[in-house]
All heavy atoms as atom14 arrays in JSON, in Angstrom:
{
  "sequence": "IHPAAPNGCVDQSSRSKAFDINVARFKSLQPCAEEHDV",
  "atom14_mask": [
    [1, 1, 1, 1, 1, 1, 1, 1, 0, 0, 0, 0, 0, 0],
    [1, 1, 1, 1, 1, 1, 1, 1, 1, 1, 0, 0, 0, 0],
    [1, 1, 1, 1, 1, 1, 1, 0, 0, 0, 0, 0, 0, 0],
    [1, 1, 1, 1, 1, 0, 0, 0, 0, 0, 0, 0, 0, 0],
    [1, 1, 1, 1, 1, 0, 0, 0, 0, 0, 0, 0, 0, 0],
    [1, 1, 1, 1, 1, 1, 1, 0, 0, 0, 0, 0, 0, 0],
    [1, 1, 1, 1, 1, 1, 1, 1, 0, 0, 0, 0, 0, 0],
    [1, 1, 1, 1, 0, 0, 0, 0, 0, 0, 0, 0, 0, 0],
    [1, 1, 1, 1, 1, 1, 0, 0, 0, 0, 0, 0, 0, 0],
    [1, 1, 1, 1, 1, 1, 1, 0, 0, 0, 0, 0, 0, 0],
    [1, 1, 1, 1, 1, 1, 1, 1, 0, 0, 0, 0, 0, 0],
    [1, 1, 1, 1, 1, 1, 1, 1, 1, 0, 0, 0, 0, 0],
    [1, 1, 1, 1, 1, 1, 0, 0, 0, 0, 0, 0, 0, 0],
    [1, 1, 1, 1, 1, 1, 0, 0, 0, 0, 0, 0, 0, 0],
    [1, 1, 1, 1, 1, 1, 1, 1, 1, 1, 1, 0, 0, 0],
    [1, 1, 1, 1, 1, 1, 0, 0, 0, 0, 0, 0, 0, 0],
    [1, 1, 1, 1, 1, 1, 1, 1, 1, 0, 0, 0, 0, 0],
    [1, 1, 1, 1, 1, 0, 0, 0, 0, 0, 0, 0, 0, 0],
    [1, 1, 1, 1, 1, 1, 1, 1, 1, 1, 1, 0, 0, 0],
    [1, 1, 1, 1, 1, 1, 1, 1, 0, 0, 0, 0, 0, 0],
    [1, 1, 1, 1, 1, 1, 1, 1, 0, 0, 0, 0, 0, 0],
    [1, 1, 1, 1, 1, 1, 1, 1, 0, 0, 0, 0, 0, 0],
    [1, 1, 1, 1, 1, 1, 1, 0, 0, 0, 0, 0, 0, 0],
    [1, 1, 1, 1, 1, 0, 0, 0, 0, 0, 0, 0, 0, 0],
    [1, 1, 1, 1, 1, 1, 1, 1, 1, 1, 1, 0, 0, 0],
    [1, 1, 1, 1, 1, 1, 1, 1, 1, 1, 1, 0, 0, 0],
    [1, 1, 1, 1, 1, 1, 1, 1, 1, 0, 0, 0, 0, 0],
    [1, 1, 1, 1, 1, 1, 0, 0, 0, 0, 0, 0, 0, 0],
    [1, 1, 1, 1, 1, 1, 1, 1, 0, 0, 0, 0, 0, 0],
    [1, 1, 1, 1, 1, 1, 1, 1, 1, 0, 0, 0, 0, 0],
    [1, 1, 1, 1, 1, 1, 1, 0, 0, 0, 0, 0, 0, 0],
    [1, 1, 1, 1, 1, 1, 0, 0, 0, 0, 0, 0, 0, 0],
    [1, 1, 1, 1, 1, 0, 0, 0, 0, 0, 0, 0, 0, 0],
    [1, 1, 1, 1, 1, 1, 1, 1, 1, 0, 0, 0, 0, 0],
    [1, 1, 1, 1, 1, 1, 1, 1, 1, 0, 0, 0, 0, 0],
    [1, 1, 1, 1, 1, 1, 1, 1, 1, 1, 0, 0, 0, 0],
    [1, 1, 1, 1, 1, 1, 1, 1, 0, 0, 0, 0, 0, 0],
    [1, 1, 1, 1, 1, 1, 1, 0, 0, 0, 0, 0, 0, 0]
  ],
  "atom14_positions": [
    [[94.22, -85.19, 69.79], [95.49, -84.43, 69.88], [96.24, -84.92, 71.16], [95.68, -85.05, 72.2], [95.28, -82.9, 70.01], [94.53, -82.39, 68.76], [96.6, -82.21, 70.16], [94.36, -80.87, 68.79], [0.0, 0.0, 0.0], [0.0, 0.0, 0.0], [0.0, 0.0, 0.0], [0.0, 0.0, 0.0], [0.0, 0.0, 0.0], [0.0, 0.0, 0.0]],
    [[97.56, -85.15, 70.93], [98.39, -85.45, 72.09], [98.59, -84.21, 72.95], [98.88, -83.14, 72.38], [99.81, -85.94, 71.61], [99.82, -87.29, 71.03], [101.0, -87.91, 70.69], [98.83, -88.13, 70.7], [100.7, -89.07, 70.19], [99.42, -89.27, 70.17], [0.0, 0.0, 0.0], [0.0, 0.0, 0.0], [0.0, 0.0, 0.0], [0.0, 0.0, 0.0]],
    [[98.52, -84.32, 74.25], [98.87, -83.16, 75.08], [100.36, -82.94, 75.17], [101.14, -83.83, 74.76], [98.31, -83.57, 76.46], [98.4, -85.06, 76.45], [98.13, -85.48, 75.01], [0.0, 0.0, 0.0], [0.0, 0.0, 0.0], [0.0, 0.0, 0.0], [0.0, 0.0, 0.0], [0.0, 0.0, 0.0], [0.0, 0.0, 0.0], [0.0, 0.0, 0.0]],
    [[100.79, -81.81, 75.69], [102.19, -81.6, 75.95], [102.64, -82.65, 76.96], [102.03, -82.81, 78.01], [102.4, -80.2, 76.49], [0.0, 0.0, 0.0], [0.0, 0.0, 0.0], [0.0, 0.0, 0.0], [0.0, 0.0, 0.0], [0.0, 0.0, 0.0], [0.0, 0.0, 0.0], [0.0, 0.0, 0.0], [0.0, 0.0, 0.0], [0.0, 0.0, 0.0]],
    [[103.75, -83.35, 76.64], [104.25, -84.41, 77.54], [105.77, -84.44, 77.53], [106.35, -85.42, 77.07], [103.67, -85.71, 77.1], [0.0, 0.0, 0.0], [0.0, 0.0, 0.0], [0.0, 0.0, 0.0], [0.0, 0.0, 0.0], [0.0, 0.0, 0.0], [0.0, 0.0, 0.0], [0.0, 0.0, 0.0], [0.0, 0.0, 0.0], [0.0, 0.0, 0.0]],
    [[106.43, -83.38, 77.97], [107.9, -83.38, 78.01], [108.44, -84.45, 78.91], [107.91, -84.74, 79.97], [108.22, -81.97, 78.47], [107.02, -81.53, 79.27], [105.85, -82.16, 78.58], [0.0, 0.0, 0.0], [0.0, 0.0, 0.0], [0.0, 0.0, 0.0], [0.0, 0.0, 0.0], [0.0, 0.0, 0.0], [0.0, 0.0, 0.0], [0.0, 0.0, 0.0]],
    [[109.58, -85.08, 78.49], [110.14, -86.14, 79.31], [110.65, -85.67, 80.63], [110.89, -86.45, 81.53], [111.27, -86.84, 78.53], [110.73, -87.84, 77.53], [109.63, -88.37, 77.73], [111.45, -88.09, 76.47], [0.0, 0.0, 0.0], [0.0, 0.0, 0.0], [0.0, 0.0, 0.0], [0.0, 0.0, 0.0], [0.0, 0.0, 0.0], [0.0, 0.0, 0.0]],
    [[110.84, -84.34, 80.78], [111.26, -83.82, 82.07], [110.15, -83.67, 83.07], [110.33, -83.15, 84.18], [0.0, 0.0, 0.0], [0.0, 0.0, 0.0], [0.0, 0.0, 0.0], [0.0, 0.0, 0.0], [0.0, 0.0, 0.0], [0.0, 0.0, 0.0], [0.0, 0.0, 0.0], [0.0, 0.0, 0.0], [0.0, 0.0, 0.0], [0.0, 0.0, 0.0]],
    [[108.97, -84.1, 82.68], [107.74, -83.88, 83.53], [107.67, -84.96, 84.58], [106.8, -85.85, 84.57], [106.54, -83.94, 82.57], [105.05, -83.27, 83.24], [0.0, 0.0, 0.0], [0.0, 0.0, 0.0], [0.0, 0.0, 0.0], [0.0, 0.0, 0.0], [0.0, 0.0, 0.0], [0.0, 0.0, 0.0], [0.0, 0.0, 0.0], [0.0, 0.0, 0.0]],
    [[108.56, -84.89, 85.55], [108.7, -85.96, 86.51], [108.34, -85.59, 87.94], [108.33, -86.43, 88.83], [110.15, -86.54, 86.5], [110.49, -87.15, 85.14], [111.18, -85.43, 86.84], [0.0, 0.0, 0.0], [0.0, 0.0, 0.0], [0.0, 0.0, 0.0], [0.0, 0.0, 0.0], [0.0, 0.0, 0.0], [0.0, 0.0, 0.0], [0.0, 0.0, 0.0]],
    [[108.02, -84.31, 88.16], [107.63, -83.9, 89.52], [106.39, -83.01, 89.45], [105.95, -82.65, 88.36], [108.79, -83.23, 90.26], [109.32, -82.02, 89.49], [108.52, -81.33, 88.83], [110.52, -81.74, 89.56], [0.0, 0.0, 0.0], [0.0, 0.0, 0.0], [0.0, 0.0, 0.0], [0.0, 0.0, 0.0], [0.0, 0.0, 0.0], [0.0, 0.0, 0.0]],
    [[105.87, -82.68, 90.62], [104.6, -81.93, 90.62], [104.76, -80.55, 89.99], [103.83, -80.07, 89.31], [104.12, -81.77, 92.07], [102.72, -81.16, 92.18], [101.7, -81.92, 91.35], [101.64, -83.16, 91.38], [100.88, -81.19, 90.61], [0.0, 0.0, 0.0], [0.0, 0.0, 0.0], [0.0, 0.0, 0.0], [0.0, 0.0, 0.0], [0.0, 0.0, 0.0]],
    [[105.89, -79.89, 90.18], [106.11, -78.58, 89.61], [106.06, -78.64, 88.09], [105.43, -77.8, 87.45], [107.42, -77.98, 90.11], [107.74, -76.76, 89.49], [0.0, 0.0, 0.0], [0.0, 0.0, 0.0], [0.0, 0.0, 0.0], [0.0, 0.0, 0.0], [0.0, 0.0, 0.0], [0.0, 0.0, 0.0], [0.0, 0.0, 0.0], [0.0, 0.0, 0.0]],
    [[106.81, -79.57, 87.51], [106.85, -79.64, 86.06], [105.52, -80.13, 85.5], [105.1, -79.68, 84.43], [107.98, -80.57, 85.6], [107.85, -81.87, 86.18], [0.0, 0.0, 0.0], [0.0, 0.0, 0.0], [0.0, 0.0, 0.0], [0.0, 0.0, 0.0], [0.0, 0.0, 0.0], [0.0, 0.0, 0.0], [0.0, 0.0, 0.0], [0.0, 0.0, 0.0]],
    [[104.85, -81.03, 86.21], [103.52, -81.44, 85.74], [102.54, -80.3, 85.77], [101.68, -80.15, 84.9], [103.0, -82.62, 86.58], [103.69, -83.93, 86.3], [102.89, -85.1, 86.83], [103.55, -86.36, 86.53], [104.3, -87.04, 87.37], [104.48, -86.63, 88.58], [104.84, -88.2, 87.0], [0.0, 0.0, 0.0], [0.0, 0.0, 0.0], [0.0, 0.0, 0.0]],
    [[102.59, -79.47, 86.78], [101.72, -78.33, 86.89], [101.98, -77.34, 85.77], [101.01, -76.78, 85.17], [101.94, -77.63, 88.26], [101.1, -76.48, 88.36], [0.0, 0.0, 0.0], [0.0, 0.0, 0.0], [0.0, 0.0, 0.0], [0.0, 0.0, 0.0], [0.0, 0.0, 0.0], [0.0, 0.0, 0.0], [0.0, 0.0, 0.0], [0.0, 0.0, 0.0]],
    [[103.23, -77.16, 85.41], [103.56, -76.26, 84.3], [103.0, -76.82, 82.96], [102.42, -76.08, 82.18], [105.05, -76.09, 84.18], [105.49, -75.19, 83.04], [107.02, -75.05, 82.97], [107.45, -74.19, 81.79], [108.91, -74.08, 81.68], [0.0, 0.0, 0.0], [0.0, 0.0, 0.0], [0.0, 0.0, 0.0], [0.0, 0.0, 0.0], [0.0, 0.0, 0.0]],
    [[103.19, -78.15, 82.76], [102.68, -78.76, 81.55], [101.13, -78.7, 81.52], [100.54, -78.52, 80.44], [103.12, -80.22, 81.49], [0.0, 0.0, 0.0], [0.0, 0.0, 0.0], [0.0, 0.0, 0.0], [0.0, 0.0, 0.0], [0.0, 0.0, 0.0], [0.0, 0.0, 0.0], [0.0, 0.0, 0.0], [0.0, 0.0, 0.0], [0.0, 0.0, 0.0]],
    [[100.51, -78.87, 82.65], [99.06, -78.74, 82.74], [98.6, -77.36, 82.25], [97.66, -77.26, 81.42], [98.58, -78.99, 84.15], [97.07, -78.89, 84.33], [96.28, -80.0, 84.18], [96.5, -77.73, 84.72], [94.9, -79.92, 84.31], [95.15, -77.6, 84.89], [94.33, -78.73, 84.7], [0.0, 0.0, 0.0], [0.0, 0.0, 0.0], [0.0, 0.0, 0.0]],
    [[99.23, -76.32, 82.74], [98.88, -74.96, 82.35], [99.1, -74.72, 80.82], [98.31, -74.06, 80.18], [99.66, -73.94, 83.16], [99.25, -73.92, 84.65], [98.2, -74.42, 84.96], [100.04, -73.41, 85.43], [0.0, 0.0, 0.0], [0.0, 0.0, 0.0], [0.0, 0.0, 0.0], [0.0, 0.0, 0.0], [0.0, 0.0, 0.0], [0.0, 0.0, 0.0]],
    [[100.16, -75.28, 80.34], [100.49, -75.16, 78.91], [99.35, -75.85, 78.09], [98.86, -75.31, 77.1], [101.83, -75.83, 78.56], [102.94, -74.96, 79.11], [101.99, -76.02, 77.03], [104.34, -75.61, 79.08], [0.0, 0.0, 0.0], [0.0, 0.0, 0.0], [0.0, 0.0, 0.0], [0.0, 0.0, 0.0], [0.0, 0.0, 0.0], [0.0, 0.0, 0.0]],
    [[98.94, -77.05, 78.53], [97.91, -77.78, 77.8], [96.57, -76.98, 77.8], [95.95, -76.81, 76.77], [97.69, -79.13, 78.45], [98.71, -80.16, 77.95], [99.08, -80.2, 76.78], [99.22, -80.93, 78.88], [0.0, 0.0, 0.0], [0.0, 0.0, 0.0], [0.0, 0.0, 0.0], [0.0, 0.0, 0.0], [0.0, 0.0, 0.0], [0.0, 0.0, 0.0]],
    [[96.21, -76.47, 78.97], [94.94, -75.73, 79.06], [95.0, -74.53, 78.14], [94.01, -74.26, 77.35], [94.61, -75.33, 80.51], [93.4, -74.36, 80.55], [94.31, -76.56, 81.36], [0.0, 0.0, 0.0], [0.0, 0.0, 0.0], [0.0, 0.0, 0.0], [0.0, 0.0, 0.0], [0.0, 0.0, 0.0], [0.0, 0.0, 0.0], [0.0, 0.0, 0.0]],
    [[96.07, -73.78, 78.14], [96.15, -72.59, 77.3], [96.13, -72.91, 75.82], [95.4, -72.27, 75.04], [97.4, -71.83, 77.66], [0.0, 0.0, 0.0], [0.0, 0.0, 0.0], [0.0, 0.0, 0.0], [0.0, 0.0, 0.0], [0.0, 0.0, 0.0], [0.0, 0.0, 0.0], [0.0, 0.0, 0.0], [0.0, 0.0, 0.0], [0.0, 0.0, 0.0]],
    [[96.87, -73.96, 75.45], [96.94, -74.3, 74.0], [95.65, -74.87, 73.48], [95.21, -74.54, 72.42], [98.16, -75.19, 73.73], [99.5, -74.45, 73.87], [100.68, -75.34, 73.71], [100.83, -75.9, 72.36], [101.28, -75.21, 71.33], [101.62, -73.93, 71.47], [101.46, -75.82, 70.17], [0.0, 0.0, 0.0], [0.0, 0.0, 0.0], [0.0, 0.0, 0.0]],
    [[95.07, -75.76, 74.29], [93.76, -76.32, 73.84], [92.69, -75.23, 73.79], [91.89, -75.2, 72.86], [93.35, -77.48, 74.78], [94.07, -78.76, 74.51], [94.78, -79.38, 75.55], [94.01, -79.38, 73.28], [95.46, -80.58, 75.31], [94.71, -80.58, 73.05], [95.4, -81.17, 74.05], [0.0, 0.0, 0.0], [0.0, 0.0, 0.0], [0.0, 0.0, 0.0]],
    [[92.7, -74.37, 74.78], [91.69, -73.28, 74.83], [91.79, -72.41, 73.55], [90.76, -71.93, 73.04], [91.87, -72.45, 76.1], [90.65, -71.65, 76.44], [89.53, -72.51, 76.95], [88.34, -71.73, 77.43], [87.19, -72.6, 77.85], [0.0, 0.0, 0.0], [0.0, 0.0, 0.0], [0.0, 0.0, 0.0], [0.0, 0.0, 0.0], [0.0, 0.0, 0.0]],
    [[92.98, -72.21, 73.06], [93.18, -71.34, 71.89], [92.57, -72.0, 70.65], [92.28, -71.26, 69.67], [94.66, -71.06, 71.67], [95.36, -72.23, 71.16], [0.0, 0.0, 0.0], [0.0, 0.0, 0.0], [0.0, 0.0, 0.0], [0.0, 0.0, 0.0], [0.0, 0.0, 0.0], [0.0, 0.0, 0.0], [0.0, 0.0, 0.0], [0.0, 0.0, 0.0]],
    [[92.34, -73.28, 70.66], [91.75, -74.0, 69.54], [90.25, -74.06, 69.61], [89.54, -74.48, 68.66], [92.32, -75.41, 69.43], [93.84, -75.54, 69.12], [94.3, -76.99, 69.26], [94.14, -74.98, 67.76], [0.0, 0.0, 0.0], [0.0, 0.0, 0.0], [0.0, 0.0, 0.0], [0.0, 0.0, 0.0], [0.0, 0.0, 0.0], [0.0, 0.0, 0.0]],
    [[89.68, -73.68, 70.76], [88.22, -73.79, 70.94], [87.41, -73.03, 69.93], [86.43, -73.6, 69.41], [87.84, -73.37, 72.38], [86.36, -73.57, 72.67], [86.03, -73.16, 74.12], [86.87, -73.29, 75.01], [84.8, -72.74, 74.36], [0.0, 0.0, 0.0], [0.0, 0.0, 0.0], [0.0, 0.0, 0.0], [0.0, 0.0, 0.0], [0.0, 0.0, 0.0]],
    [[87.72, -71.78, 69.6], [86.88, -71.1, 68.59], [86.81, -71.84, 67.23], [85.75, -71.9, 66.64], [87.57, -69.73, 68.45], [88.29, -69.54, 69.72], [88.73, -70.89, 70.15], [0.0, 0.0, 0.0], [0.0, 0.0, 0.0], [0.0, 0.0, 0.0], [0.0, 0.0, 0.0], [0.0, 0.0, 0.0], [0.0, 0.0, 0.0], [0.0, 0.0, 0.0]],
    [[87.94, -72.38, 66.8], [87.95, -73.12, 65.52], [87.11, -74.38, 65.66], [86.38, -74.71, 64.75], [89.39, -73.43, 65.14], [89.56, -74.24, 63.53], [0.0, 0.0, 0.0], [0.0, 0.0, 0.0], [0.0, 0.0, 0.0], [0.0, 0.0, 0.0], [0.0, 0.0, 0.0], [0.0, 0.0, 0.0], [0.0, 0.0, 0.0], [0.0, 0.0, 0.0]],
    [[87.26, -75.08, 66.77], [86.46, -76.3, 66.98], [84.99, -75.99, 67.03], [84.16, -76.78, 66.51], [86.92, -77.0, 68.26], [0.0, 0.0, 0.0], [0.0, 0.0, 0.0], [0.0, 0.0, 0.0], [0.0, 0.0, 0.0], [0.0, 0.0, 0.0], [0.0, 0.0, 0.0], [0.0, 0.0, 0.0], [0.0, 0.0, 0.0], [0.0, 0.0, 0.0]],
    [[84.62, -74.88, 67.64], [83.21, -74.48, 67.7], [82.67, -74.15, 66.33], [81.58, -74.59, 65.93], [83.03, -73.3, 68.64], [83.2, -73.62, 70.1], [83.17, -72.39, 70.99], [83.27, -71.3, 70.47], [83.02, -72.57, 72.25], [0.0, 0.0, 0.0], [0.0, 0.0, 0.0], [0.0, 0.0, 0.0], [0.0, 0.0, 0.0], [0.0, 0.0, 0.0]],
    [[83.45, -73.38, 65.56], [83.02, -72.97, 64.25], [82.77, -74.17, 63.31], [81.82, -74.17, 62.52], [84.05, -72.04, 63.64], [83.66, -71.55, 62.24], [84.68, -70.6, 61.65], [85.62, -70.2, 62.35], [84.5, -70.25, 60.46], [0.0, 0.0, 0.0], [0.0, 0.0, 0.0], [0.0, 0.0, 0.0], [0.0, 0.0, 0.0], [0.0, 0.0, 0.0]],
    [[83.6, -75.21, 63.47], [83.52, -76.34, 62.54], [82.93, -77.6, 63.19], [82.97, -78.68, 62.57], [84.92, -76.61, 61.99], [85.44, -75.46, 61.19], [85.03, -75.2, 59.92], [86.27, -74.45, 61.54], [85.65, -74.09, 59.48], [86.39, -73.62, 60.45], [0.0, 0.0, 0.0], [0.0, 0.0, 0.0], [0.0, 0.0, 0.0], [0.0, 0.0, 0.0]],
    [[82.36, -77.46, 64.38], [81.66, -78.54, 65.04], [82.52, -79.79, 65.22], [82.12, -80.9, 64.82], [80.33, -78.88, 64.3], [79.43, -79.79, 65.13], [79.52, -79.77, 66.38], [78.63, -80.55, 64.51], [0.0, 0.0, 0.0], [0.0, 0.0, 0.0], [0.0, 0.0, 0.0], [0.0, 0.0, 0.0], [0.0, 0.0, 0.0], [0.0, 0.0, 0.0]],
    [[83.66, -79.58, 65.76], [84.6, -80.72, 66.03], [84.87, -80.73, 67.51], [85.01, -79.73, 68.18], [85.92, -80.52, 65.21], [86.99, -81.52, 65.67], [85.66, -80.68, 63.74], [0.0, 0.0, 0.0], [0.0, 0.0, 0.0], [0.0, 0.0, 0.0], [0.0, 0.0, 0.0], [0.0, 0.0, 0.0], [0.0, 0.0, 0.0], [0.0, 0.0, 0.0]]
  ]
}
């Protein structure tokens, strides 16, 4: 899966925001991945 990568992600503040978005969105998929061994 591609992570969130907005073109405005050019400084530490925007990268930090994108990082938090990625962690939250990937984490929400963890139960499904666990259930189906992916």
